[in-house]
N, C-alpha and C. Protein backbone atom coordinates (compact mmCIF):
# COMPACT_ATOMS: atom_id res chain seq x y z
N UNK A 1 -65.64 -112.35 -94.96
CA UNK A 1 -66.16 -113.58 -94.41
C UNK A 1 -66.80 -113.28 -93.06
N UNK A 2 -67.99 -113.80 -92.86
CA UNK A 2 -68.71 -113.55 -91.63
C UNK A 2 -68.23 -114.49 -90.53
N UNK A 3 -68.06 -113.93 -89.35
CA UNK A 3 -67.60 -114.73 -88.22
C UNK A 3 -68.74 -115.64 -87.76
N UNK A 4 -68.40 -116.88 -87.38
CA UNK A 4 -69.40 -117.83 -86.89
C UNK A 4 -69.97 -117.40 -85.55
N UNK A 5 -71.00 -118.10 -85.13
CA UNK A 5 -71.68 -117.74 -83.88
C UNK A 5 -71.43 -118.75 -82.78
N UNK A 6 -70.38 -119.56 -82.93
CA UNK A 6 -70.12 -120.58 -81.93
C UNK A 6 -70.01 -119.94 -80.55
N UNK A 7 -70.84 -120.42 -79.64
CA UNK A 7 -70.82 -119.90 -78.28
C UNK A 7 -71.67 -118.68 -78.06
N UNK A 8 -72.24 -118.15 -79.13
CA UNK A 8 -73.05 -116.94 -79.02
C UNK A 8 -74.49 -117.28 -79.40
N UNK A 9 -75.40 -117.14 -78.46
CA UNK A 9 -76.82 -117.36 -78.69
C UNK A 9 -77.08 -118.69 -79.38
N UNK A 10 -76.45 -119.74 -78.88
CA UNK A 10 -76.67 -121.06 -79.46
C UNK A 10 -77.97 -121.65 -78.93
N UNK A 11 -78.61 -122.46 -79.76
CA UNK A 11 -79.82 -123.15 -79.36
C UNK A 11 -79.44 -124.50 -78.77
N UNK A 12 -80.27 -124.98 -77.85
CA UNK A 12 -80.07 -126.33 -77.36
C UNK A 12 -80.53 -127.29 -78.46
N UNK A 13 -80.14 -128.54 -78.34
CA UNK A 13 -80.55 -129.53 -79.33
C UNK A 13 -82.07 -129.59 -79.44
N UNK A 14 -82.75 -129.51 -78.31
CA UNK A 14 -84.22 -129.55 -78.29
C UNK A 14 -84.84 -128.36 -79.04
N UNK A 15 -84.16 -127.25 -79.05
CA UNK A 15 -84.68 -126.05 -79.72
C UNK A 15 -84.50 -126.09 -81.23
N UNK A 16 -83.65 -126.98 -81.72
CA UNK A 16 -83.43 -127.08 -83.17
C UNK A 16 -84.66 -127.66 -83.86
N UNK A 17 -84.81 -127.33 -85.13
CA UNK A 17 -85.88 -127.95 -85.91
C UNK A 17 -85.53 -129.41 -86.14
N UNK A 18 -86.51 -130.18 -86.56
CA UNK A 18 -86.29 -131.59 -86.85
C UNK A 18 -85.18 -131.75 -87.88
N UNK A 19 -85.21 -130.92 -88.91
CA UNK A 19 -84.20 -130.96 -89.96
C UNK A 19 -82.82 -130.60 -89.42
N UNK A 20 -82.74 -129.58 -88.60
CA UNK A 20 -81.45 -129.18 -88.03
C UNK A 20 -80.92 -130.23 -87.05
N UNK A 21 -81.83 -130.89 -86.32
CA UNK A 21 -81.41 -131.98 -85.45
C UNK A 21 -80.80 -133.12 -86.27
N UNK A 22 -81.43 -133.44 -87.41
CA UNK A 22 -80.91 -134.50 -88.28
C UNK A 22 -79.52 -134.14 -88.79
N UNK A 23 -79.33 -132.90 -89.19
CA UNK A 23 -78.01 -132.45 -89.67
C UNK A 23 -76.96 -132.57 -88.55
N UNK A 24 -77.35 -132.19 -87.35
CA UNK A 24 -76.45 -132.27 -86.22
C UNK A 24 -76.07 -133.72 -85.91
N UNK A 25 -77.06 -134.60 -85.91
CA UNK A 25 -76.80 -136.02 -85.65
C UNK A 25 -75.89 -136.62 -86.70
N UNK A 26 -76.13 -136.31 -87.97
CA UNK A 26 -75.28 -136.82 -89.04
C UNK A 26 -73.84 -136.35 -88.87
N UNK A 27 -73.67 -135.10 -88.52
CA UNK A 27 -72.33 -134.55 -88.31
C UNK A 27 -71.64 -135.23 -87.13
N UNK A 28 -72.39 -135.46 -86.05
CA UNK A 28 -71.81 -136.10 -84.88
C UNK A 28 -71.39 -137.54 -85.17
N UNK A 29 -72.18 -138.25 -85.94
CA UNK A 29 -71.83 -139.62 -86.32
C UNK A 29 -70.55 -139.63 -87.14
N UNK A 30 -70.42 -138.70 -88.06
CA UNK A 30 -69.20 -138.61 -88.87
C UNK A 30 -67.99 -138.27 -88.00
N UNK A 31 -68.19 -137.39 -87.02
CA UNK A 31 -67.10 -137.01 -86.12
C UNK A 31 -66.67 -138.22 -85.28
N UNK A 32 -67.63 -139.01 -84.80
CA UNK A 32 -67.31 -140.21 -84.02
C UNK A 32 -66.47 -141.16 -84.87
N UNK A 33 -66.88 -141.36 -86.12
CA UNK A 33 -66.14 -142.27 -87.00
C UNK A 33 -64.69 -141.79 -87.19
N UNK A 34 -64.52 -140.51 -87.48
CA UNK A 34 -63.18 -139.96 -87.67
C UNK A 34 -62.35 -140.05 -86.39
N UNK A 35 -63.00 -139.79 -85.26
CA UNK A 35 -62.29 -139.83 -83.98
C UNK A 35 -61.83 -141.25 -83.65
N UNK A 36 -62.69 -142.23 -83.90
CA UNK A 36 -62.31 -143.62 -83.65
C UNK A 36 -61.14 -144.04 -84.53
N UNK A 37 -61.19 -143.68 -85.80
CA UNK A 37 -60.09 -144.02 -86.71
C UNK A 37 -58.78 -143.39 -86.23
N UNK A 38 -58.84 -142.13 -85.82
CA UNK A 38 -57.64 -141.44 -85.33
C UNK A 38 -57.15 -142.09 -84.04
N UNK A 39 -58.07 -142.46 -83.18
CA UNK A 39 -57.72 -143.10 -81.91
C UNK A 39 -57.00 -144.42 -82.16
N UNK A 40 -57.50 -145.21 -83.10
CA UNK A 40 -56.88 -146.51 -83.39
C UNK A 40 -55.52 -146.33 -84.06
N UNK A 41 -55.39 -145.33 -84.93
CA UNK A 41 -54.08 -145.04 -85.53
C UNK A 41 -53.08 -144.67 -84.45
N UNK A 42 -53.51 -143.80 -83.52
CA UNK A 42 -52.63 -143.38 -82.42
C UNK A 42 -52.25 -144.58 -81.56
N UNK A 43 -53.23 -145.43 -81.30
CA UNK A 43 -52.95 -146.62 -80.49
C UNK A 43 -51.93 -147.53 -81.15
N UNK A 44 -52.06 -147.72 -82.45
CA UNK A 44 -51.09 -148.55 -83.18
C UNK A 44 -49.70 -147.92 -83.13
N UNK A 45 -49.63 -146.62 -83.30
CA UNK A 45 -48.33 -145.94 -83.30
C UNK A 45 -47.68 -145.98 -81.92
N UNK A 46 -48.50 -146.14 -80.87
CA UNK A 46 -47.98 -146.22 -79.51
C UNK A 46 -47.96 -147.66 -79.00
N UNK A 47 -48.10 -148.62 -79.94
CA UNK A 47 -48.07 -150.05 -79.62
C UNK A 47 -49.08 -150.45 -78.54
N UNK A 48 -50.28 -149.88 -78.64
CA UNK A 48 -51.36 -150.23 -77.72
C UNK A 48 -52.16 -151.38 -78.31
N UNK A 49 -52.91 -152.07 -77.46
CA UNK A 49 -53.77 -153.16 -77.90
C UNK A 49 -55.09 -152.57 -78.40
N UNK A 50 -55.15 -152.26 -79.69
CA UNK A 50 -56.33 -151.59 -80.22
C UNK A 50 -57.50 -152.54 -80.44
N UNK A 51 -57.24 -153.82 -80.57
CA UNK A 51 -58.35 -154.75 -80.80
C UNK A 51 -59.30 -154.81 -79.63
N UNK A 52 -58.78 -154.75 -78.42
CA UNK A 52 -59.68 -154.75 -77.26
C UNK A 52 -60.47 -153.44 -77.20
N UNK A 53 -59.83 -152.34 -77.57
CA UNK A 53 -60.55 -151.06 -77.62
C UNK A 53 -61.64 -151.10 -78.67
N UNK A 54 -61.32 -151.66 -79.83
CA UNK A 54 -62.33 -151.77 -80.90
C UNK A 54 -63.53 -152.57 -80.42
N UNK A 55 -63.27 -153.65 -79.72
CA UNK A 55 -64.35 -154.49 -79.20
C UNK A 55 -65.24 -153.71 -78.24
N UNK A 56 -64.62 -152.94 -77.36
CA UNK A 56 -65.39 -152.15 -76.38
C UNK A 56 -66.22 -151.07 -77.05
N UNK A 57 -65.61 -150.35 -78.02
CA UNK A 57 -66.36 -149.29 -78.71
C UNK A 57 -67.47 -149.88 -79.56
N UNK A 58 -67.20 -151.01 -80.18
CA UNK A 58 -68.22 -151.68 -80.99
C UNK A 58 -69.41 -152.06 -80.11
N UNK A 59 -69.14 -152.60 -78.92
CA UNK A 59 -70.22 -152.97 -78.00
C UNK A 59 -71.05 -151.75 -77.61
N UNK A 60 -70.39 -150.61 -77.38
CA UNK A 60 -71.12 -149.39 -77.04
C UNK A 60 -72.01 -148.95 -78.19
N UNK A 61 -71.45 -148.99 -79.40
CA UNK A 61 -72.22 -148.56 -80.56
C UNK A 61 -73.39 -149.49 -80.83
N UNK A 62 -73.18 -150.79 -80.65
CA UNK A 62 -74.27 -151.76 -80.84
C UNK A 62 -75.39 -151.50 -79.84
N UNK A 63 -75.02 -151.16 -78.60
CA UNK A 63 -76.02 -150.84 -77.58
C UNK A 63 -76.86 -149.64 -78.03
N UNK A 64 -76.20 -148.62 -78.55
CA UNK A 64 -76.92 -147.43 -79.04
C UNK A 64 -77.86 -147.82 -80.18
N UNK A 65 -77.36 -148.61 -81.12
CA UNK A 65 -78.16 -149.05 -82.26
C UNK A 65 -79.37 -149.85 -81.79
N UNK A 66 -79.14 -150.77 -80.87
CA UNK A 66 -80.25 -151.60 -80.37
C UNK A 66 -81.29 -150.76 -79.64
N UNK A 67 -80.88 -149.68 -79.01
CA UNK A 67 -81.84 -148.80 -78.34
C UNK A 67 -82.70 -148.01 -79.32
N UNK A 68 -82.32 -147.99 -80.58
CA UNK A 68 -83.13 -147.30 -81.59
C UNK A 68 -84.36 -148.11 -81.97
N UNK A 69 -84.32 -149.40 -81.70
CA UNK A 69 -85.42 -150.28 -82.08
C UNK A 69 -86.56 -150.23 -81.11
């Protein structure tokens, strides 16, 4: 198995091709979704008020979406 190149001669996002940028963005969106779900599960297990957190994150995401227009 070949070792990955993480941290070695990495390209900046701007240096990636359009296709590679799209792949990176898709992966980041999936990571955000998984992270939010894990964060809310952790909050529930620690008896935190997750609904207010959900509202704040939703507002941030809506702002990002609206900036796409």
